[in-house]
N, C-alpha and C. Protein backbone atom coordinates (compact mmCIF):
# COMPACT_ATOMS: atom_id res chain seq x y z
N MET A 1 56.59 -100.52 -114.89
CA MET A 1 57.05 -99.64 -115.45
C MET A 1 58.62 -99.72 -115.43
N SER A 2 59.43 -99.54 -116.45
CA SER A 2 60.84 -99.74 -116.40
C SER A 2 61.63 -98.94 -115.52
N THR A 3 62.74 -99.22 -115.20
CA THR A 3 63.61 -98.32 -114.30
C THR A 3 64.09 -97.12 -114.89
N GLN A 4 64.30 -97.20 -116.28
CA GLN A 4 64.68 -95.90 -117.05
C GLN A 4 63.65 -94.91 -117.08
N VAL A 5 62.35 -95.30 -117.08
CA VAL A 5 61.19 -94.42 -117.19
C VAL A 5 60.95 -93.78 -115.78
N GLN A 6 61.21 -94.77 -114.83
CA GLN A 6 61.07 -94.05 -113.42
C GLN A 6 62.15 -93.07 -113.20
N GLN A 7 63.41 -93.36 -113.54
CA GLN A 7 64.53 -92.43 -113.29
C GLN A 7 64.28 -91.11 -114.13
N THR A 8 63.82 -91.22 -115.20
CA THR A 8 63.40 -90.03 -116.17
C THR A 8 62.40 -89.25 -115.50
N LYS A 9 61.29 -89.74 -114.88
CA LYS A 9 60.41 -89.04 -114.24
C LYS A 9 60.96 -88.24 -112.94
N GLN A 10 61.95 -88.77 -112.20
CA GLN A 10 62.57 -88.16 -111.10
C GLN A 10 63.26 -86.83 -111.52
N TYR A 11 63.67 -86.75 -112.67
CA TYR A 11 64.46 -85.56 -113.27
C TYR A 11 63.31 -84.51 -113.27
N TYR A 12 61.99 -84.54 -113.53
CA TYR A 12 61.16 -83.48 -113.70
C TYR A 12 61.07 -82.85 -112.27
N TRP A 13 61.09 -83.43 -111.26
CA TRP A 13 61.16 -82.68 -109.94
C TRP A 13 62.27 -81.63 -109.95
N TYR A 14 63.32 -81.77 -110.56
CA TYR A 14 64.44 -80.76 -110.53
C TYR A 14 63.89 -79.35 -111.39
N ALA A 15 63.10 -79.76 -112.46
CA ALA A 15 62.67 -78.47 -113.33
C ALA A 15 61.54 -77.99 -112.82
N LEU A 16 60.87 -78.56 -111.76
CA LEU A 16 59.50 -78.04 -111.27
C LEU A 16 59.80 -76.60 -110.47
N PRO A 17 60.84 -76.45 -109.68
CA PRO A 17 60.98 -75.11 -109.25
C PRO A 17 61.10 -73.98 -110.22
N GLY A 18 61.96 -74.24 -111.25
CA GLY A 18 62.16 -73.29 -112.28
C GLY A 18 60.88 -73.01 -113.11
N VAL A 19 60.24 -74.10 -113.32
CA VAL A 19 59.11 -73.97 -114.24
C VAL A 19 58.05 -73.17 -113.58
N ALA A 20 57.73 -73.43 -112.30
CA ALA A 20 56.91 -72.73 -111.36
C ALA A 20 57.23 -71.39 -111.05
N ALA A 21 58.45 -70.95 -110.97
CA ALA A 21 58.81 -69.73 -110.82
C ALA A 21 58.51 -68.71 -112.19
N PHE A 22 59.06 -69.43 -113.30
CA PHE A 22 58.73 -68.85 -114.58
C PHE A 22 57.21 -68.46 -114.77
N GLY A 23 56.50 -69.63 -114.51
CA GLY A 23 55.11 -69.46 -114.75
C GLY A 23 54.30 -68.47 -113.78
N THR A 24 54.88 -68.28 -112.64
CA THR A 24 54.29 -67.46 -111.72
C THR A 24 54.65 -65.93 -112.05
N LEU A 25 56.03 -65.67 -112.30
CA LEU A 25 56.30 -64.43 -112.85
C LEU A 25 55.61 -64.01 -114.33
N VAL A 26 55.82 -64.91 -115.30
CA VAL A 26 55.20 -64.44 -116.47
C VAL A 26 53.66 -64.39 -116.39
N GLY A 27 53.05 -65.35 -115.83
CA GLY A 27 51.66 -65.45 -115.79
C GLY A 27 51.02 -64.38 -114.81
N GLY A 28 51.67 -64.10 -113.55
CA GLY A 28 51.25 -63.13 -112.95
C GLY A 28 51.39 -61.77 -113.49
N SER A 29 52.41 -61.49 -113.99
CA SER A 29 52.53 -60.05 -114.77
C SER A 29 51.60 -60.00 -115.82
N PHE A 30 51.21 -61.14 -116.74
CA PHE A 30 50.28 -60.96 -117.80
C PHE A 30 48.99 -60.77 -117.19
N LEU A 31 48.51 -61.50 -115.96
CA LEU A 31 47.41 -61.23 -115.42
C LEU A 31 47.07 -59.85 -114.93
N TYR A 32 48.18 -59.39 -114.15
CA TYR A 32 48.33 -58.20 -113.60
C TYR A 32 48.03 -56.99 -114.53
N ASN A 33 48.63 -57.19 -115.84
CA ASN A 33 48.37 -56.23 -116.91
C ASN A 33 46.99 -56.14 -117.29
N ILE A 34 46.53 -57.43 -117.51
CA ILE A 34 45.14 -57.42 -118.05
C ILE A 34 44.24 -56.76 -117.05
N TYR A 35 44.45 -56.83 -115.70
CA TYR A 35 43.68 -56.07 -114.66
C TYR A 35 43.85 -54.58 -114.80
N LEU A 36 45.12 -54.07 -115.04
CA LEU A 36 45.37 -52.80 -115.05
C LEU A 36 44.70 -52.18 -116.46
N SER A 37 44.66 -52.96 -117.46
CA SER A 37 44.02 -52.38 -118.69
C SER A 37 42.69 -51.85 -118.63
N PHE A 38 42.04 -52.52 -117.43
CA PHE A 38 40.56 -52.29 -117.29
C PHE A 38 40.48 -50.93 -116.34
N ASN A 39 41.58 -50.43 -116.09
CA ASN A 39 41.60 -49.40 -114.96
C ASN A 39 42.28 -48.19 -115.55
N SER A 40 41.91 -46.87 -114.86
CA SER A 40 42.63 -45.58 -115.23
C SER A 40 43.67 -45.50 -113.98
N TRP A 41 45.02 -45.61 -114.35
CA TRP A 41 45.99 -45.46 -113.28
C TRP A 41 47.22 -44.73 -113.79
N GLN A 42 47.67 -43.98 -112.90
CA GLN A 42 48.90 -43.18 -113.44
C GLN A 42 50.18 -43.74 -112.75
N GLY A 43 50.20 -44.91 -112.11
CA GLY A 43 51.43 -45.51 -111.55
C GLY A 43 51.35 -44.97 -109.99
N ILE A 44 50.58 -44.33 -109.66
CA ILE A 44 50.73 -43.86 -108.18
C ILE A 44 49.14 -43.69 -107.67
N GLY A 45 48.95 -44.10 -106.45
CA GLY A 45 47.50 -43.99 -105.85
C GLY A 45 46.70 -45.10 -106.29
N LYS A 46 45.45 -45.00 -106.01
CA LYS A 46 44.50 -46.24 -106.19
C LYS A 46 43.99 -46.40 -107.60
N PRO A 47 44.12 -47.50 -108.48
CA PRO A 47 43.57 -47.56 -109.63
C PRO A 47 41.99 -47.32 -109.73
N GLU A 48 41.60 -46.52 -110.79
CA GLU A 48 40.19 -46.36 -110.85
C GLU A 48 39.38 -47.15 -111.87
N TRP A 49 38.51 -48.06 -111.54
CA TRP A 49 37.90 -49.01 -112.47
C TRP A 49 37.08 -48.31 -113.58
N ILE A 50 37.54 -48.45 -115.02
CA ILE A 50 36.90 -47.86 -115.92
C ILE A 50 36.20 -48.89 -117.06
N GLY A 51 36.39 -50.14 -116.85
CA GLY A 51 36.07 -51.04 -117.58
C GLY A 51 36.55 -51.15 -119.02
N LEU A 52 35.83 -51.16 -120.12
CA LEU A 52 36.47 -51.19 -121.37
C LEU A 52 36.60 -49.86 -122.18
N GLU A 53 36.64 -48.83 -121.51
CA GLU A 53 36.95 -47.52 -122.01
C GLU A 53 38.32 -47.30 -122.59
N ASN A 54 39.21 -47.99 -121.93
CA ASN A 54 40.55 -48.01 -122.54
C ASN A 54 40.76 -48.70 -123.99
N TYR A 55 39.97 -49.60 -124.14
CA TYR A 55 39.95 -50.41 -125.42
C TYR A 55 39.11 -49.75 -126.36
N GLN A 56 38.13 -49.07 -126.07
CA GLN A 56 37.19 -48.20 -126.72
C GLN A 56 38.00 -47.16 -127.38
N ASN A 57 38.91 -46.58 -126.51
CA ASN A 57 39.65 -45.43 -126.95
C ASN A 57 40.81 -45.78 -127.87
N LEU A 58 41.38 -47.07 -127.63
CA LEU A 58 42.50 -47.67 -128.50
C LEU A 58 41.78 -48.03 -129.88
N ILE A 59 40.64 -48.52 -130.00
CA ILE A 59 40.16 -48.93 -131.42
C ILE A 59 40.05 -47.60 -132.08
N HIS A 60 39.66 -46.46 -131.62
CA HIS A 60 39.47 -45.40 -132.40
C HIS A 60 40.72 -44.44 -132.41
N ASP A 61 41.83 -44.83 -131.92
CA ASP A 61 42.98 -44.02 -131.92
C ASP A 61 43.82 -44.34 -133.12
N ARG A 62 43.90 -43.26 -134.16
CA ARG A 62 44.88 -43.57 -135.33
C ARG A 62 46.32 -43.79 -134.84
N VAL A 63 46.97 -43.17 -134.16
CA VAL A 63 48.20 -43.41 -133.83
C VAL A 63 48.45 -44.89 -133.39
N PHE A 64 47.49 -45.65 -132.81
CA PHE A 64 47.69 -46.82 -132.46
C PHE A 64 47.72 -47.81 -133.61
N TRP A 65 46.75 -47.62 -134.62
CA TRP A 65 46.77 -48.49 -135.84
C TRP A 65 48.04 -48.13 -136.75
N VAL A 66 48.43 -46.87 -136.72
CA VAL A 66 49.55 -46.65 -137.40
C VAL A 66 50.96 -47.57 -136.83
N SER A 67 51.01 -47.31 -135.53
CA SER A 67 52.19 -48.13 -134.81
C SER A 67 51.96 -49.70 -134.88
N PHE A 68 50.67 -50.01 -134.95
CA PHE A 68 50.44 -51.45 -135.18
C PHE A 68 50.87 -52.05 -136.48
N LEU A 69 50.56 -51.18 -137.67
CA LEU A 69 51.04 -51.41 -138.88
C LEU A 69 52.55 -51.34 -139.08
N HIS A 70 53.24 -50.52 -138.34
CA HIS A 70 54.81 -50.35 -138.37
C HIS A 70 55.18 -51.58 -137.58
N ALA A 71 54.56 -52.30 -136.66
CA ALA A 71 55.11 -53.53 -135.90
C ALA A 71 55.03 -54.50 -137.06
N PHE A 72 54.08 -54.72 -137.70
CA PHE A 72 54.10 -55.75 -138.84
C PHE A 72 55.05 -55.62 -139.97
N GLU A 73 55.24 -54.29 -140.30
CA GLU A 73 56.24 -54.09 -141.20
C GLU A 73 57.61 -54.30 -140.81
N PHE A 74 57.84 -53.96 -139.31
CA PHE A 74 59.15 -54.26 -138.85
C PHE A 74 59.28 -55.86 -138.67
N ILE A 75 58.22 -56.61 -138.34
CA ILE A 75 58.32 -58.13 -138.12
C ILE A 75 58.71 -58.60 -139.55
N PHE A 76 58.12 -58.17 -140.61
CA PHE A 76 58.53 -58.54 -142.04
C PHE A 76 59.85 -58.37 -142.40
N ALA A 77 60.29 -57.16 -142.08
CA ALA A 77 61.69 -56.61 -142.56
C ALA A 77 62.86 -57.33 -141.91
N MET A 78 62.42 -57.67 -140.63
CA MET A 78 63.48 -58.20 -139.59
C MET A 78 63.51 -59.67 -139.44
N SER A 79 62.47 -60.42 -140.03
CA SER A 79 62.63 -61.91 -139.88
C SER A 79 62.26 -62.63 -141.02
N ILE A 80 60.98 -62.18 -141.76
CA ILE A 80 60.49 -62.89 -142.83
C ILE A 80 61.53 -62.68 -144.22
N ALA A 81 61.69 -61.35 -144.43
CA ALA A 81 62.47 -61.00 -145.64
C ALA A 81 63.93 -61.59 -145.54
N PRO A 82 64.54 -61.35 -144.37
CA PRO A 82 65.98 -62.01 -144.27
C PRO A 82 66.04 -63.59 -144.41
N SER A 83 64.98 -64.19 -143.76
CA SER A 83 64.78 -65.63 -143.93
C SER A 83 64.79 -66.24 -145.52
N ALA A 84 63.83 -65.38 -146.02
CA ALA A 84 63.40 -65.88 -147.58
C ALA A 84 64.64 -65.51 -148.54
N ILE A 85 65.40 -64.28 -148.21
CA ILE A 85 66.59 -64.07 -148.94
C ILE A 85 67.64 -65.12 -148.65
N GLY A 86 67.89 -65.46 -147.46
CA GLY A 86 68.84 -66.33 -147.05
C GLY A 86 68.64 -67.77 -147.50
N LEU A 87 67.32 -68.22 -147.57
CA LEU A 87 66.96 -69.59 -148.34
C LEU A 87 67.18 -69.42 -149.70
N LEU A 88 66.86 -68.24 -150.42
CA LEU A 88 67.28 -68.19 -151.90
C LEU A 88 68.77 -68.30 -152.14
N ILE A 89 69.57 -67.48 -151.34
CA ILE A 89 70.97 -67.46 -151.70
C ILE A 89 71.53 -68.89 -151.24
N GLY A 90 71.26 -69.39 -150.26
CA GLY A 90 71.60 -70.91 -149.88
C GLY A 90 71.19 -71.90 -151.00
N ALA A 91 70.03 -71.63 -151.61
CA ALA A 91 69.58 -72.66 -152.67
C ALA A 91 70.45 -72.39 -153.97
N LEU A 92 70.68 -71.16 -154.22
CA LEU A 92 71.43 -70.76 -155.55
C LEU A 92 72.98 -71.44 -155.24
N ILE A 93 73.46 -71.06 -154.20
CA ILE A 93 74.75 -71.56 -153.83
C ILE A 93 74.90 -73.02 -153.88
N TYR A 94 73.84 -73.76 -153.26
CA TYR A 94 73.99 -75.32 -153.24
C TYR A 94 73.90 -75.72 -154.75
N ASP A 95 73.04 -75.30 -155.57
CA ASP A 95 72.93 -75.57 -156.95
C ASP A 95 74.18 -75.44 -157.63
N LEU A 96 74.91 -74.20 -157.28
CA LEU A 96 76.00 -73.93 -158.17
C LEU A 96 77.16 -74.88 -157.73
N ILE A 97 77.42 -75.04 -156.50
CA ILE A 97 78.46 -76.08 -155.89
C ILE A 97 78.08 -77.34 -156.30
N ALA A 98 76.79 -77.85 -156.27
CA ALA A 98 76.40 -79.22 -156.46
C ALA A 98 76.86 -79.61 -158.03
N ARG A 99 76.59 -78.56 -158.82
CA ARG A 99 76.78 -78.78 -160.25
C ARG A 99 78.34 -78.82 -160.48
N HIS A 100 79.27 -78.32 -159.85
CA HIS A 100 80.68 -78.35 -160.22
C HIS A 100 81.39 -79.38 -159.31
N PHE A 101 80.88 -79.57 -158.11
CA PHE A 101 81.73 -80.49 -157.29
C PHE A 101 81.02 -81.60 -156.89
N GLY A 102 79.68 -81.59 -156.93
CA GLY A 102 79.16 -83.01 -156.72
C GLY A 102 78.17 -82.74 -155.26
N ASN A 103 77.26 -83.49 -155.20
CA ASN A 103 76.27 -83.31 -153.91
C ASN A 103 76.98 -83.70 -152.62
N ALA A 104 77.96 -84.35 -152.45
CA ALA A 104 78.60 -84.85 -151.20
C ALA A 104 79.45 -83.36 -150.69
N ILE A 105 80.10 -82.67 -151.42
CA ILE A 105 80.84 -81.61 -151.05
C ILE A 105 79.96 -80.54 -150.81
N SER A 106 78.87 -80.29 -151.63
CA SER A 106 77.93 -79.37 -151.45
C SER A 106 77.03 -79.41 -150.02
N THR A 107 76.76 -80.74 -149.75
CA THR A 107 76.11 -80.99 -148.64
C THR A 107 77.05 -80.74 -147.37
N PHE A 108 78.23 -80.79 -147.46
CA PHE A 108 79.20 -80.77 -146.44
C PHE A 108 79.55 -79.18 -146.25
N LEU A 109 79.46 -78.33 -147.29
CA LEU A 109 79.59 -76.98 -147.21
C LEU A 109 78.37 -76.32 -146.82
C-alpha cells in the first residue's frame, strides 16, 4: 500500500467521532419515533402499546391525505417548477447571447 493511501486512511479517524455522533442522534431519534408510533402517548406518563392502530387511523383520516397532497404540491411549487423555469430561462439567454456574441462569451456569462 502506498504512503499516500495510508495517510488518507488516517484522516478517516478524525471524521469518525462526528459521523458516529450524527448517526447516533439521527438514527436514535428515528428509531425512537418509530417506537412511539406504535404507542398511545400524550408526552407525559407511560406510553401505552396500541400496535398498528395509529396507522389504521391514519389511512382512514381524510385530513392526513389532504395534507399529504399539499406537501407534494409544495414540493413541486418550491423546487421542481423553479428549477424548470430557471433552466428554460438559462437556455433561452444562452441561445440569445451565443447567437450575438459567440459561444466563448456566452459560456463565460
